[in-house]
Protein backbone atom coordinates (compact mmCIF):
# COMPACT_ATOMS: atom_id res chain seq x y z
CA UNK A 1 -3.83 16.95 7.45
CA UNK A 2 -5.05 14.26 5.21
CA UNK A 3 -4.13 15.81 1.87
CA UNK A 4 -0.79 14.11 2.44
CA UNK A 5 -2.65 10.80 2.48
CA UNK A 6 -4.60 11.63 -0.65
CA UNK A 7 -1.47 12.74 -2.48
CA UNK A 8 0.36 9.64 -1.37
CA UNK A 9 -1.95 7.63 -3.58
CA UNK A 10 -2.82 10.36 -6.02
CA UNK A 11 0.44 11.46 -7.65
CA UNK A 12 0.45 9.68 -11.02
CA UNK A 13 4.13 8.85 -11.18
CA UNK A 14 5.87 5.92 -12.77
CA UNK A 15 6.93 4.47 -9.43
CA UNK A 16 4.37 3.88 -6.76
CA UNK A 17 5.26 0.50 -5.36
CA UNK A 18 7.28 -2.61 -5.93
CA UNK A 19 4.46 -5.07 -6.50
CA UNK A 20 2.90 -2.18 -8.35
CA UNK A 21 6.00 -2.12 -10.50
CA UNK A 22 4.69 -5.09 -12.45
CA UNK A 23 2.42 -3.00 -14.64
CA UNK A 24 5.04 -0.31 -15.18
CA UNK A 25 6.97 -2.79 -17.23
CA UNK A 26 4.08 -3.89 -19.40
CA UNK A 27 5.15 -1.81 -22.38
CA UNK A 28 8.65 -3.25 -22.48
CA UNK A 29 9.55 -5.76 -25.17
CA UNK A 30 12.69 -7.03 -23.50
CA UNK A 31 12.76 -10.82 -23.08
CA UNK A 32 15.08 -13.21 -21.31
CA UNK A 33 17.57 -14.88 -23.60
CA UNK A 34 16.82 -18.17 -21.87
CA UNK A 35 13.32 -18.38 -23.34
CA UNK A 36 12.73 -18.62 -27.06
CA UNK A 37 10.39 -16.20 -28.85
CA UNK A 38 8.12 -18.96 -30.12
CA UNK A 39 7.77 -20.47 -26.65
CA UNK A 40 6.75 -17.02 -25.36
CA UNK A 41 4.07 -16.77 -28.04
CA UNK A 42 2.77 -20.26 -27.34
CA UNK A 43 2.47 -19.47 -23.63
CA UNK A 44 0.63 -16.23 -24.24
CA UNK A 45 -1.76 -17.56 -26.88
CA UNK A 46 -2.79 -20.77 -25.14
CA UNK A 47 -1.94 -20.90 -21.48
CA UNK A 48 -2.29 -24.70 -21.28
CA UNK A 49 -0.28 -25.28 -18.15
CA UNK A 50 -2.34 -28.15 -16.85
CA UNK A 51 -1.71 -30.56 -19.70
CA UNK A 52 1.63 -32.26 -20.39
CA UNK A 53 3.48 -31.18 -23.49
CA UNK A 54 5.46 -32.75 -26.26
CA UNK A 55 8.54 -30.66 -25.72
CA UNK A 56 9.73 -27.57 -23.93
CA UNK A 57 11.77 -26.73 -27.00
CA UNK A 58 10.21 -24.28 -29.46
CA UNK A 59 11.48 -26.28 -32.41
CA UNK A 60 12.13 -29.97 -32.04
CA UNK A 61 14.21 -31.34 -34.90
CA UNK A 62 12.64 -34.42 -36.52
CA UNK A 63 14.70 -37.57 -36.80
CA UNK A 64 15.91 -38.03 -40.37
CA UNK A 65 14.19 -40.87 -42.20
CA UNK A 66 16.31 -43.78 -43.37
CA UNK A 67 15.49 -46.40 -45.95
CA UNK A 68 16.99 -49.01 -43.68
CA UNK A 69 15.66 -49.91 -40.27
CA UNK A 70 17.96 -48.35 -37.76
CA UNK A 71 18.17 -49.31 -34.09
CA UNK A 72 16.44 -46.83 -31.80
CA UNK A 73 18.63 -44.30 -30.08
CA UNK A 74 18.26 -43.65 -26.37
CA UNK A 75 16.70 -40.30 -27.18
CA UNK A 76 14.13 -41.87 -29.52
CA UNK A 77 13.29 -44.39 -26.84
CA UNK A 78 12.85 -41.59 -24.31
CA UNK A 79 10.55 -39.73 -26.66
CA UNK A 80 8.37 -42.78 -27.15
CA UNK A 81 8.12 -43.27 -23.38
CA UNK A 82 7.16 -39.65 -22.99
CA UNK A 83 4.48 -39.98 -25.67
CA UNK A 84 3.13 -43.07 -23.94
CA UNK A 85 3.04 -41.12 -20.69
CA UNK A 86 1.07 -38.37 -22.39
CA UNK A 87 -1.42 -40.92 -23.70
CA UNK A 88 -1.93 -42.36 -20.22
CA UNK A 89 -2.23 -38.86 -18.76
CA UNK A 90 -5.09 -38.03 -21.12
CA UNK A 91 -6.82 -41.22 -20.06
CA UNK A 92 -6.60 -40.13 -16.43
CA UNK A 93 -4.12 -42.88 -15.55
CA UNK A 94 -1.78 -40.54 -13.70
CA UNK A 95 0.20 -43.08 -11.66
CA UNK A 96 0.99 -45.08 -14.82
CA UNK A 97 1.88 -41.88 -16.65
CA UNK A 98 4.33 -41.01 -13.88
CA UNK A 99 6.08 -44.33 -14.38
CA UNK A 100 6.50 -43.71 -18.12
CA UNK A 101 7.84 -40.20 -17.55
CA UNK A 102 10.29 -41.58 -14.98
CA UNK A 103 11.51 -44.17 -17.49
CA UNK A 104 11.90 -41.44 -20.11
CA UNK A 105 13.99 -39.40 -17.68
CA UNK A 106 16.25 -42.34 -16.92
CA UNK A 107 16.73 -43.25 -20.58
CA UNK A 108 17.20 -39.74 -22.01
CA UNK A 109 20.85 -38.78 -22.62
CA UNK A 110 22.10 -35.85 -20.55
CA UNK A 111 22.91 -33.75 -23.60
CA UNK A 112 19.19 -33.44 -24.39
CA UNK A 113 18.57 -31.05 -21.48
CA UNK A 114 15.58 -29.23 -22.94
CA UNK A 115 13.66 -32.42 -23.73
CA UNK A 116 14.60 -33.95 -20.40
CA UNK A 117 13.23 -30.88 -18.63
CA UNK A 118 9.94 -31.55 -20.45
CA UNK A 119 9.77 -35.06 -19.02
CA UNK A 120 10.22 -33.71 -15.49
CA UNK A 121 7.54 -31.08 -16.06
CA UNK A 122 5.10 -33.62 -17.48
CA UNK A 123 5.76 -35.88 -14.54
CA UNK A 124 4.99 -32.92 -12.25
CA UNK A 125 1.71 -32.37 -14.12
CA UNK A 126 0.63 -35.93 -13.38
CA UNK A 127 1.68 -35.57 -9.74
CA UNK A 128 -0.32 -32.37 -9.55
CA UNK A 129 -3.42 -34.35 -10.51
CA UNK A 130 -2.73 -36.62 -7.55
CA UNK A 131 -2.08 -33.59 -5.29
CA UNK A 132 1.43 -34.77 -4.50
CA UNK A 133 2.59 -31.20 -3.93
CA UNK A 134 6.04 -31.90 -2.49
CA UNK A 135 6.78 -34.18 -5.45
CA UNK A 136 5.51 -31.53 -7.86
CA UNK A 137 8.06 -29.09 -6.42
CA UNK A 138 10.86 -31.67 -6.79
CA UNK A 139 10.07 -32.43 -10.44
CA UNK A 140 9.53 -28.80 -11.41
CA UNK A 141 12.80 -27.89 -9.73
CA UNK A 142 14.57 -30.55 -11.78
CA UNK A 143 12.96 -29.12 -14.92
CA UNK A 144 14.01 -25.56 -14.07
CA UNK A 145 17.55 -26.69 -13.28
CA UNK A 146 17.82 -28.02 -16.84
CA UNK A 147 15.99 -25.05 -18.38
CA UNK A 148 15.94 -21.92 -16.22
CA UNK A 149 13.52 -20.15 -18.52
CA UNK A 150 10.91 -22.90 -18.44
CA UNK A 151 7.74 -20.89 -17.85
CA UNK A 152 5.36 -23.83 -17.49
CA UNK A 153 7.51 -25.53 -14.84
CA UNK A 154 7.93 -22.30 -12.88
CA UNK A 155 4.21 -21.63 -12.99
CA UNK A 156 3.34 -25.17 -11.88
CA UNK A 157 5.87 -25.00 -9.06
CA UNK A 158 4.40 -21.69 -7.87
CA UNK A 159 0.99 -23.36 -7.59
CA UNK A 160 2.48 -26.23 -5.62
CA UNK A 161 4.24 -23.81 -3.28
CA UNK A 162 0.92 -22.07 -2.67
CA UNK A 163 -0.68 -25.41 -1.75
CA UNK A 164 2.20 -26.03 0.65
CA UNK A 165 1.65 -22.57 2.19
CA UNK A 166 5.07 -21.39 1.04
CA UNK A 167 3.84 -18.11 -0.35
CA UNK A 168 7.22 -16.36 -0.58
CA UNK A 169 8.50 -19.20 -2.78
CA UNK A 170 5.29 -19.03 -4.76
CA UNK A 171 5.68 -15.29 -5.26
CA UNK A 172 9.28 -15.69 -6.40
CA UNK A 173 8.29 -18.22 -9.08
CA UNK A 174 5.25 -16.34 -10.34
CA UNK A 175 7.24 -13.09 -10.47
CA UNK A 176 9.85 -14.88 -12.57
CA UNK A 177 7.07 -16.00 -14.90
CA UNK A 178 5.81 -12.41 -15.18
CA UNK A 179 9.29 -11.24 -16.17
CA UNK A 180 9.78 -14.04 -18.69
CA UNK A 181 6.38 -13.38 -20.24
CA UNK A 182 7.16 -9.70 -20.58
CA UNK A 183 4.17 -8.80 -18.36
CA UNK A 184 1.72 -9.58 -21.17
CA UNK A 185 -0.24 -12.42 -19.53
CA UNK A 186 -3.07 -10.97 -17.44
CA UNK A 187 -3.91 -14.22 -15.68
CA UNK A 188 -0.34 -14.55 -14.44
CA UNK A 189 -0.28 -10.99 -13.16
CA UNK A 190 -3.63 -11.36 -11.41
CA UNK A 191 -2.30 -14.47 -9.71
CA UNK A 192 0.87 -12.63 -8.66
CA UNK A 193 -1.26 -9.82 -7.25
CA UNK A 194 -3.38 -12.23 -5.21
CA UNK A 195 -0.28 -13.83 -3.69
CA UNK A 196 1.17 -10.42 -2.85
CA UNK A 197 -2.02 -9.42 -1.08
CA UNK A 198 -2.14 -12.68 0.86
CA UNK A 199 1.45 -12.25 2.01
CA UNK A 200 0.84 -8.65 3.02
CA UNK A 201 -2.35 -9.47 4.90
CA UNK A 202 -0.91 -12.42 6.78
CA UNK A 203 2.27 -10.61 7.82
CA UNK A 204 0.37 -7.51 8.85
CA UNK A 205 -2.04 -9.51 11.01
CA UNK A 206 0.86 -11.10 12.83
CA UNK A 207 2.95 -7.94 13.14
CA UNK A 208 0.12 -5.62 14.16
CA UNK A 209 -0.85 -7.79 17.12
CA UNK A 210 2.65 -7.72 18.58
CA UNK A 211 3.87 -4.30 17.42
CA UNK A 212 5.35 -1.94 19.97
CA UNK A 213 3.67 1.49 20.11
CA UNK A 214 5.82 4.13 18.42
CA UNK A 215 5.19 7.85 18.78
CA UNK A 216 5.09 9.55 15.37
CA UNK A 217 7.11 12.62 14.51
CA UNK A 218 6.36 15.96 16.24
CA UNK A 219 5.22 17.42 12.91
CA UNK A 220 2.66 14.66 12.41
CA UNK A 221 1.27 15.25 15.90
CA UNK A 222 1.02 19.01 15.33
CA UNK A 223 -0.76 18.47 12.03
CA UNK A 224 -3.14 16.02 13.64
CA UNK A 225 -4.20 18.48 16.34
CA UNK A 226 -4.42 21.26 13.72
CA UNK A 227 -7.18 19.29 11.99
CA UNK A 228 -9.44 19.94 15.01
CA UNK A 229 -10.95 23.36 15.74
CA UNK A 230 -13.32 22.46 18.55
CA UNK A 231 -10.96 20.37 20.66
CA UNK A 232 -10.96 21.23 24.38
CA UNK A 233 -7.77 19.32 25.16
CA UNK A 234 -5.90 21.57 22.73
CA UNK A 235 -6.95 24.72 24.55
CA UNK A 236 -4.08 26.43 26.37
CA UNK A 237 -3.81 26.25 30.14
CA UNK A 238 -4.72 29.22 32.27
CA UNK A 239 -1.97 31.12 34.07
CA UNK A 240 -3.18 29.73 37.40
CA UNK A 241 -2.98 26.15 36.13
CA UNK A 242 0.57 26.73 34.95
CA UNK A 243 1.53 28.08 38.38
CA UNK A 244 -0.08 25.05 40.02
CA UNK A 245 2.09 22.70 38.02
CA UNK A 246 5.22 24.37 39.40
CA UNK A 247 4.12 23.96 43.01
CA UNK A 248 3.56 20.22 43.16
CA UNK A 249 5.17 19.99 46.57
CA UNK A 250 3.45 23.01 48.15
CA UNK A 251 -0.08 22.51 46.89
CA UNK A 252 -1.38 22.46 50.48
CA UNK A 253 -0.53 26.17 50.78
CA UNK A 254 -2.43 27.18 47.62
CA UNK A 255 -5.50 24.98 48.19
CA UNK A 256 -4.82 22.91 45.04
CA UNK A 257 -6.10 19.43 44.35
CA UNK A 258 -2.85 17.44 44.00
CA UNK A 259 -4.53 14.90 41.74
CA UNK A 260 -5.09 17.56 39.09
CA UNK A 261 -1.37 18.15 38.69
CA UNK A 262 -0.83 15.11 36.45
CA UNK A 263 -3.27 16.41 33.85
CA UNK A 264 -1.84 19.92 34.04
CA UNK A 265 1.71 18.66 33.59
CA UNK A 266 0.54 16.52 30.64
CA UNK A 267 -0.95 19.66 29.03
CA UNK A 268 2.33 21.51 29.52
CA UNK A 269 4.20 18.60 27.94
CA UNK A 270 1.80 18.85 24.99
CA UNK A 271 2.42 22.58 24.66
CA UNK A 272 6.21 22.15 24.83
CA UNK A 273 6.24 19.28 22.30
CA UNK A 274 7.40 16.75 24.91
CA UNK A 275 4.93 14.25 23.52
CA UNK A 276 6.51 11.12 25.00
CA UNK A 277 5.71 12.44 28.51
CA UNK A 278 2.00 13.06 27.94
CA UNK A 279 0.84 9.49 28.66
CA UNK A 280 3.18 9.14 31.63
CA UNK A 281 1.63 12.12 33.44
CA UNK A 282 -1.89 10.65 33.49
CA UNK A 283 -3.54 10.23 36.94
CA UNK A 284 -6.71 8.12 37.33
CA UNK A 285 -8.47 10.44 39.78
CA UNK A 286 -8.80 14.10 38.86
CA UNK A 287 -11.44 16.78 38.44
CA UNK A 288 -10.32 16.79 34.80
CA UNK A 289 -10.92 13.05 34.41
CA UNK A 290 -12.64 13.11 31.01
CA UNK A 291 -10.13 15.61 29.63
CA UNK A 292 -7.29 13.44 30.93
CA UNK A 293 -8.82 10.31 29.41
CA UNK A 294 -9.26 12.02 26.04
CA UNK A 295 -5.71 13.34 26.05
CA UNK A 296 -4.25 9.95 26.95
CA UNK A 297 -6.54 8.11 24.52
CA UNK A 298 -5.52 10.48 21.72
CA UNK A 299 -1.83 9.79 22.29
CA UNK A 300 -2.45 6.06 22.49
CA UNK A 301 -4.16 6.41 19.13
CA UNK A 302 -1.31 8.45 17.66
CA UNK A 303 1.25 5.87 18.79
CA UNK A 304 -0.70 3.06 17.13
CA UNK A 305 -1.93 1.50 20.37
CA UNK A 306 -5.61 1.25 19.45
CA UNK A 307 -6.26 -1.44 22.07
CA UNK A 308 -5.34 1.03 24.81
CA UNK A 309 -7.00 4.02 23.14
CA UNK A 310 -10.44 2.48 22.76
CA UNK A 311 -11.24 1.97 26.50
CA UNK A 312 -10.34 5.61 27.25
CA UNK A 313 -12.54 6.87 24.42
CA UNK A 314 -15.37 4.52 25.42
CA UNK A 315 -15.39 5.80 29.00
CA UNK A 316 -15.92 9.36 27.81
CA UNK A 317 -18.60 8.37 25.31
CA UNK A 318 -20.47 6.33 27.93
CA UNK A 319 -20.37 9.04 30.61
CA UNK A 320 -23.84 10.60 30.69
CA UNK A 321 -22.86 14.01 32.08
CA UNK A 322 -19.67 14.41 30.03
CA UNK A 323 -19.07 17.64 28.15
CA UNK A 324 -20.67 17.18 24.68
CA UNK A 325 -17.57 18.53 22.97
CA UNK A 326 -15.41 15.93 24.69
CA UNK A 327 -17.86 13.19 23.73
CA UNK A 328 -18.02 14.35 20.11
CA UNK A 329 -14.23 14.46 19.93
CA UNK A 330 -13.99 10.94 21.35
CA UNK A 331 -16.60 9.70 18.85
CA UNK A 332 -14.70 11.26 15.93
CA UNK A 333 -11.53 9.48 16.99
CA UNK A 334 -13.26 6.17 17.59
CA UNK A 335 -14.92 6.50 14.20
CA UNK A 336 -11.53 7.11 12.60
CA UNK A 337 -10.24 3.95 14.28
CA UNK A 338 -13.13 2.00 12.78
CA UNK A 339 -12.22 3.28 9.33
CA UNK A 340 -8.63 2.10 9.85
CA UNK A 341 -9.93 -1.35 10.71
CA UNK A 342 -12.22 -1.36 7.66
CA UNK A 343 -15.44 -1.10 9.65
CA UNK A 344 -17.23 1.73 7.83
CA UNK A 345 -20.62 0.94 9.37
CA UNK A 346 -19.23 1.43 12.89
CA UNK A 347 -17.48 4.61 11.80
CA UNK A 348 -20.65 6.05 10.29
CA UNK A 349 -22.61 5.24 13.45
CA UNK A 350 -20.07 7.13 15.57
CA UNK A 351 -20.14 10.18 13.31
CA UNK A 352 -23.94 10.22 13.32
CA UNK A 353 -23.94 10.04 17.13
CA UNK A 354 -21.29 12.78 17.34
CA UNK A 355 -23.47 15.08 15.19
CA UNK A 356 -26.40 14.34 17.50
CA UNK A 357 -24.39 14.95 20.69
CA UNK A 358 -22.84 18.21 19.48
CA UNK A 359 -24.65 19.38 16.31
CA UNK A 360 -22.73 22.69 16.13
CA UNK A 361 -19.32 21.03 16.22
CA UNK A 362 -17.58 21.72 12.89
CA UNK A 363 -14.99 19.00 13.56
CA UNK A 364 -17.64 16.29 13.20
CA UNK A 365 -18.51 17.31 9.65
CA UNK A 366 -14.92 18.12 8.70
CA UNK A 367 -13.57 14.71 9.67
CA UNK A 368 -16.52 12.79 8.26
CA UNK A 369 -16.11 14.72 5.03
CA UNK A 370 -12.42 13.81 4.96
CA UNK A 371 -13.17 10.12 5.38
CA UNK A 372 -15.63 10.15 2.48
CA UNK A 373 -13.25 12.22 0.34
CA UNK A 374 -10.24 9.99 0.97
CA UNK A 375 -12.29 6.85 0.28
CA UNK A 376 -13.44 8.34 -3.03
CA UNK A 377 -10.03 9.61 -4.13
CA UNK A 378 -8.10 6.53 -3.03
CA UNK A 379 -10.44 4.13 -4.78
CA UNK A 380 -10.63 6.27 -7.90
CA UNK A 381 -6.83 6.45 -8.12
CA UNK A 382 -6.52 2.68 -7.80
CA UNK A 383 -8.93 2.34 -10.69
CA UNK A 384 -7.46 4.93 -13.05
CA UNK A 385 -3.69 5.10 -12.57
CA UNK A 386 -1.34 2.88 -14.54
CA UNK A 387 0.82 1.97 -11.56
CA UNK A 388 -1.80 0.11 -9.56
CA UNK A 389 -1.19 -3.50 -8.50
CA UNK A 390 -3.09 -5.28 -11.22
CA UNK A 391 -6.41 -3.65 -10.25
CA UNK A 392 -9.28 -3.71 -12.72
CA UNK A 393 -11.03 -0.57 -13.88
CA UNK A 394 -14.08 0.08 -11.72
CA UNK A 395 -17.39 -0.80 -13.33
CA UNK A 396 -19.73 2.13 -13.92
CA UNK A 397 -22.01 1.11 -11.07
CA UNK A 398 -19.18 1.24 -8.56
CA UNK A 399 -18.09 4.62 -9.89
CA UNK A 400 -21.59 5.97 -9.40
CA UNK A 401 -21.57 4.71 -5.83
CA UNK A 402 -18.28 6.53 -5.28
CA UNK A 403 -19.68 9.71 -6.76
CA UNK A 404 -22.59 9.45 -4.34
CA UNK A 405 -20.02 9.12 -1.57
CA UNK A 406 -18.23 12.28 -2.65
CA UNK A 407 -21.54 14.15 -2.70
CA UNK A 408 -21.87 13.25 0.99
CA UNK A 409 -18.34 14.52 1.59
CA UNK A 410 -19.17 17.83 -0.07
CA UNK A 411 -22.31 18.17 2.06
CA UNK A 412 -20.24 17.63 5.21
CA UNK A 413 -17.62 20.16 4.13
CA UNK A 414 -20.39 22.68 3.44
CA UNK A 415 -21.81 22.15 6.93
CA UNK A 416 -18.33 22.46 8.46
CA UNK A 417 -17.70 25.76 6.65
CA UNK A 418 -21.15 27.02 7.66
CA UNK A 419 -20.21 26.43 11.31
CA UNK A 420 -16.64 27.71 10.94
CA UNK A 421 -16.38 30.04 7.98
CA UNK A 422 -12.65 30.76 8.37
CA UNK A 423 -11.51 27.13 8.51
CA UNK A 424 -9.04 27.35 5.61
CA UNK A 425 -8.24 23.65 5.60
CA UNK A 426 -11.90 22.74 5.11
CA UNK A 427 -12.17 25.20 2.21
CA UNK A 428 -9.12 23.67 0.55
CA UNK A 429 -10.28 20.09 1.00
CA UNK A 430 -13.73 20.89 -0.32
CA UNK A 431 -12.23 22.55 -3.39
CA UNK A 432 -9.98 19.57 -4.10
CA UNK A 433 -12.92 17.19 -3.72
CA UNK A 434 -14.90 19.21 -6.25
CA UNK A 435 -11.94 19.09 -8.63
CA UNK A 436 -11.55 15.30 -8.36
CA UNK A 437 -15.25 14.77 -8.84
CA UNK A 438 -15.15 16.93 -11.99
CA UNK A 439 -12.06 15.09 -13.18
CA UNK A 440 -13.83 11.74 -12.76
CA UNK A 441 -16.79 13.03 -14.75
CA UNK A 442 -14.59 14.72 -17.38
CA UNK A 443 -16.37 17.99 -16.61
CA UNK A 444 -13.90 20.57 -17.94
CA UNK A 445 -15.97 23.57 -16.87
CA UNK A 446 -16.25 22.39 -13.27
CA UNK A 447 -12.54 21.54 -13.21
CA UNK A 448 -11.65 25.10 -14.24
CA UNK A 449 -14.08 26.46 -11.67
CA UNK A 450 -12.26 24.48 -8.97
CA UNK A 451 -8.91 25.86 -10.18
CA UNK A 452 -10.26 29.41 -9.90
CA UNK A 453 -11.57 28.65 -6.43
CA UNK A 454 -8.11 27.49 -5.31
CA UNK A 455 -6.71 30.91 -6.27
CA UNK A 456 -9.47 32.61 -4.27
CA UNK A 457 -8.71 30.50 -1.18
CA UNK A 458 -4.98 31.23 -1.43
CA UNK A 459 -5.69 34.95 -1.71
CA UNK A 460 -7.92 34.84 1.39
CA UNK A 461 -5.83 32.38 3.46
CA UNK A 462 -2.24 32.77 2.19
CA UNK A 463 -0.66 30.86 5.10
CA UNK A 464 -2.48 27.55 4.71
CA UNK A 465 0.01 25.06 3.24
CA UNK A 466 -2.84 22.58 2.76
CA UNK A 467 -4.27 24.72 -0.05
CA UNK A 468 -0.97 24.95 -1.92
CA UNK A 469 -0.41 21.20 -1.67
CA UNK A 470 -3.84 20.24 -2.95
CA UNK A 471 -3.72 22.87 -5.69
CA UNK A 472 -0.34 21.46 -6.75
CA UNK A 473 -1.91 18.01 -7.03
CA UNK A 474 -4.67 19.36 -9.26
CA UNK A 475 -2.10 21.13 -11.45
CA UNK A 476 -0.10 17.92 -11.70
CA UNK A 477 -3.18 16.05 -12.89
CA UNK A 478 -3.59 18.64 -15.66
CA UNK A 479 0.05 18.35 -16.71
CA UNK A 480 0.95 21.84 -15.45
CA UNK A 481 4.14 20.59 -13.81
CA UNK A 482 5.97 23.89 -13.51
CA UNK A 483 3.00 25.52 -11.77
CA UNK A 484 2.67 22.48 -9.48
CA UNK A 485 6.35 22.69 -8.52
CA UNK A 486 5.99 26.40 -7.77
CA UNK A 487 3.04 25.66 -5.49
CA UNK A 488 4.95 22.97 -3.61
CA UNK A 489 7.80 25.43 -3.10
CA UNK A 490 5.34 28.01 -1.73
CA UNK A 491 3.98 25.39 0.68
CA UNK A 492 7.52 24.58 1.85
CA UNK A 493 8.15 28.27 2.58
CA UNK A 494 5.10 28.26 4.85
CA UNK A 495 5.92 24.90 6.47
CA UNK A 496 9.68 24.24 5.99
CA UNK A 497 9.71 21.34 8.45
CA UNK A 498 6.99 19.41 6.58
CA UNK A 499 8.84 16.37 5.21
CA UNK A 500 5.96 15.18 3.05
CA UNK A 501 6.13 18.33 0.92
CA UNK A 502 9.68 17.45 -0.10
CA UNK A 503 8.56 13.92 -0.97
CA UNK A 504 5.82 15.25 -3.23
CA UNK A 505 8.27 17.59 -4.96
CA UNK A 506 10.55 14.60 -5.47
CA UNK A 507 7.74 12.58 -7.02
CA UNK A 508 6.89 15.52 -9.26
CA UNK A 509 10.50 15.70 -10.45
CA UNK A 510 10.22 12.08 -11.57
CA UNK A 511 6.97 12.55 -13.41
CA UNK A 512 7.88 15.90 -14.93
CA UNK A 513 11.52 15.49 -15.91
CA UNK A 514 12.29 11.84 -15.09
CA UNK A 515 14.98 13.37 -12.87
CA UNK A 516 15.71 10.59 -10.44
CA UNK A 517 18.74 12.36 -8.90
CA UNK A 518 16.74 15.43 -7.93
CA UNK A 519 13.99 13.18 -6.63
CA UNK A 520 16.41 11.28 -4.41
CA UNK A 521 17.90 14.53 -3.10
CA UNK A 522 14.48 15.90 -2.14
CA UNK A 523 13.32 12.71 -0.47
CA UNK A 524 16.66 12.41 1.35
CA UNK A 525 16.04 15.95 2.61
CA UNK A 526 12.64 14.81 3.84
CA UNK A 527 14.26 12.00 5.82
CA UNK A 528 16.76 14.45 7.33
CA UNK A 529 13.87 16.58 8.53
CA UNK A 530 11.78 13.65 9.77
CA UNK A 531 13.38 10.23 10.07
CA UNK A 532 9.97 8.84 11.06
CA UNK A 533 8.24 9.92 7.85
CA UNK A 534 6.82 6.61 6.63
CA UNK A 535 5.74 8.19 3.33
CA UNK A 536 9.36 9.20 2.63
CA UNK A 537 10.66 5.72 3.44
CA UNK A 538 8.03 4.04 1.28
CA UNK A 539 8.71 6.35 -1.65
CA UNK A 540 12.46 5.99 -1.35
CA UNK A 541 11.97 2.24 -1.31
CA UNK A 542 10.07 2.36 -4.59
CA UNK A 543 12.81 4.51 -6.14
CA UNK A 544 15.51 2.11 -5.01
CA UNK A 545 13.55 -0.68 -6.70
CA UNK A 546 13.56 1.29 -9.93
CA UNK A 547 17.30 1.86 -9.57
CA UNK A 548 17.84 -1.84 -8.97
CA UNK A 549 18.94 -1.39 -5.34
CA UNK A 550 16.55 -4.01 -4.03
CA UNK A 551 18.22 -4.60 -0.68
CA UNK A 552 18.13 -0.87 0.10
CA UNK A 553 14.49 -0.83 -0.94
CA UNK A 554 13.65 -3.60 1.52
CA UNK A 555 15.29 -1.66 4.38
CA UNK A 556 13.20 1.44 3.64
CA UNK A 557 10.04 -0.66 3.52
CA UNK A 558 10.98 -2.20 6.86
CA UNK A 559 11.18 1.23 8.52
CA UNK A 560 7.95 2.29 6.88
CA UNK A 561 6.22 -0.81 8.24
CA UNK A 562 7.23 0.11 11.79
CA UNK A 563 5.52 3.50 11.45
CA UNK A 564 2.39 2.27 9.66
CA UNK A 565 -0.76 3.85 11.10
CA UNK A 566 -3.06 0.88 10.52
CA UNK A 567 -3.07 -2.84 9.78
CA UNK A 568 -4.33 -2.12 6.26
CA UNK A 569 -1.45 0.25 5.57
CA UNK A 570 0.96 -2.27 7.04
CA UNK A 571 -0.38 -5.01 4.73
CA UNK A 572 0.28 -2.77 1.71
CA UNK A 573 3.85 -2.15 2.85
CA UNK A 574 4.53 -5.82 3.53
CA UNK A 575 3.33 -6.58 0.00
CA UNK A 576 5.79 -4.05 -1.40
CA UNK A 577 8.59 -5.52 0.68
CA UNK A 578 7.73 -9.07 -0.39
CA UNK A 579 7.80 -8.08 -4.05
CA UNK A 580 11.19 -6.43 -3.59
CA UNK A 581 12.57 -9.52 -1.84
CA UNK A 582 11.26 -11.71 -4.65
CA UNK A 583 12.87 -9.58 -7.34
CA UNK A 584 16.14 -9.52 -5.39
CA UNK A 585 16.22 -13.33 -5.20
CA UNK A 586 15.30 -13.67 -8.88
CA UNK A 587 18.15 -11.37 -9.87
CA UNK A 588 20.60 -13.48 -7.85
CA UNK A 589 19.31 -16.86 -9.07
CA UNK A 590 18.58 -16.22 -12.72
CA UNK A 591 20.14 -12.86 -13.50
CA UNK A 592 16.70 -11.55 -14.44
CA UNK A 593 15.32 -8.09 -13.74
CA UNK A 594 12.06 -6.49 -14.86
CA UNK A 595 12.64 -4.23 -17.86
CA UNK A 596 12.79 -0.57 -16.85
CA UNK A 597 9.73 1.56 -17.62
C-alpha cells in the first residue's frame, strides 16, 4: 500500500536525508575556528568570488610609517607585486597578472601564510578566466593548504572540479563552504544541491542499467497484491487444479494438458509465499497463456526488471481477445512503470485505455487515484517541509495545478468506492487526500471533517492497518503526537510483521521527544523483521548521519540503493550517499562537521 510511500516523504522530522541535512543546520551559529568572523560576514554580504582580493586576512596590519626611507621588506615587495597583479587582472591581462602573482608567491616569506594563500587564490582567479582548470585546482589547493578555512579558494576549486567532471571532489569542497558559512548563503546551498542531484542522477543511470533483479520482501509482495481487488491472477486455484499439479507425471491418466502445469505450480508457489519460484515455473505454451504472462510480468516488475516485464504486459494488452480484466490489470501495471520512469503522459494514456477496456474495474480508478495523490503529497511536502534539499517554495500557480491534480485523485477514489463500496484501503486513502488538500488550503473545518471521517472508517473497518497509518500521519501534522503513536501501535497489532510501521514510530519518537535511542531501537526492530526494507535502511542512514556515524550511514544507503524500486528513487539515494561520503571526508581532512540541529 502506498501510504508507506506518502509517509516516507511526509513525516516532518528533523532528519530526512543527508544532503537534506544542509538546511537542518541553518539555524546554528557555530562557526569553524579557522575562519574569522569578519571574513564570514564579507563572504555573505558580497559574494565576490570571481575577482581577486587584497588579502584573505580579515584584518591586515598596516606597515608603520617611518620618517626615514626604509628598504622594502620581502613582504612589502610581495604585496606590491600582488597589487600590480590585481591591476592587470582588472584590465583583462590575465597571463601578465599570473606572472605577477607568481612573483609575489616566490618573494613572500613563509611566515605570512594567510597573505601567501591570497596570492595563490588570486592566481587561480586569473587562471579561471583562461579556463586552465587543472591549474586552478593546483593553485586553490596551495591556498587551502596554507589556510584551510579559505572559503573563496574552496569555492573556486569546487567550480574547477565541476569543469573537470570531478563532481565528488566538487561536492566535498562546496559542502565545506556550506559548513564554514554556517549555511547562510543561499547561492552556495543551491549550487551544492545541483551537484548532489547531478551525482545522484548519473550514478543511478549507470547502476540501474546493470542492476541485478532482486525480489523484495514477502510483506511487500503481499501488500502489493492486496492493493488489487479485481486481479484474476490472485484468485485461488480450484481443487482440481491443485490435484493436477501433484500429478505431473501421470497427467495422461487424468486427461490433463501437461503444459498447464507450469502455470498451476506458479500459482501454488504464489499462494505458499515461495515467490522466487514463480518466474521459474512459467511455460510459453499453455491454455492459461495470458494469465501466465501477467503473473510472470508482475514478478518481473516487483523484482525491478522492467525491461523483462514490459514485453509480457504488452503481449496481453495487444491480444484482441484477451480477458478485459487481464488487459486492464496489465495496463495499470504498465502505467505504473511509466510513472516510475517519469513519463506521466504515457501513464495517463494507459489508465484511460484501462478504464475504456474494463469500465467497471475498481482497480483502475484506485491506482490512478493513488498516483495523483502521491504526486500531490510528495510535491507539496518538498515545498513545505524544512528538511528538503534546498527546494524553493512552490509558486501559487504550481500549487493550484497540484490542487487540480488532487481533485482528479478524489474523483477516481469516488469512482473506485462506487464500484467497490467495502474497499477499506480506498476509503482511507481518499480521506487522507481530503485532509492533505485541506491542510494545503488551511481549511480548518475540512481538516476536522477528515479527522472525523477517519474515526468512522476505523469503526467500520477495524482491521485495515492502512487507515491507522494514514490517520497517524494526519495527527502528527496537527502535533497530536501521543494520539499518532497510539494509532501506529494499533496498526502494528493488526500487522505485526509490517516493518515500515516500526520505522514510522521511530521517526515519530524523534519528532515528538527527540528520543534518538528509542528511534534506533524501533528501526532496528524493523530491520530484524525485514532486512530488505529499503525505507528502514534509508532512515537508519539519515539517523547515523545525525549521530556522526557517517561510514555506517553510507552502508545503509548502499543497501537501500540495491532495493530501490525505480531509477528516480535510486538517484535520490545516491545523492544521500554522496553527501554522507563528502561529510565523512571533510571531517577527516579538516575536522569539520555540520552543527547539529
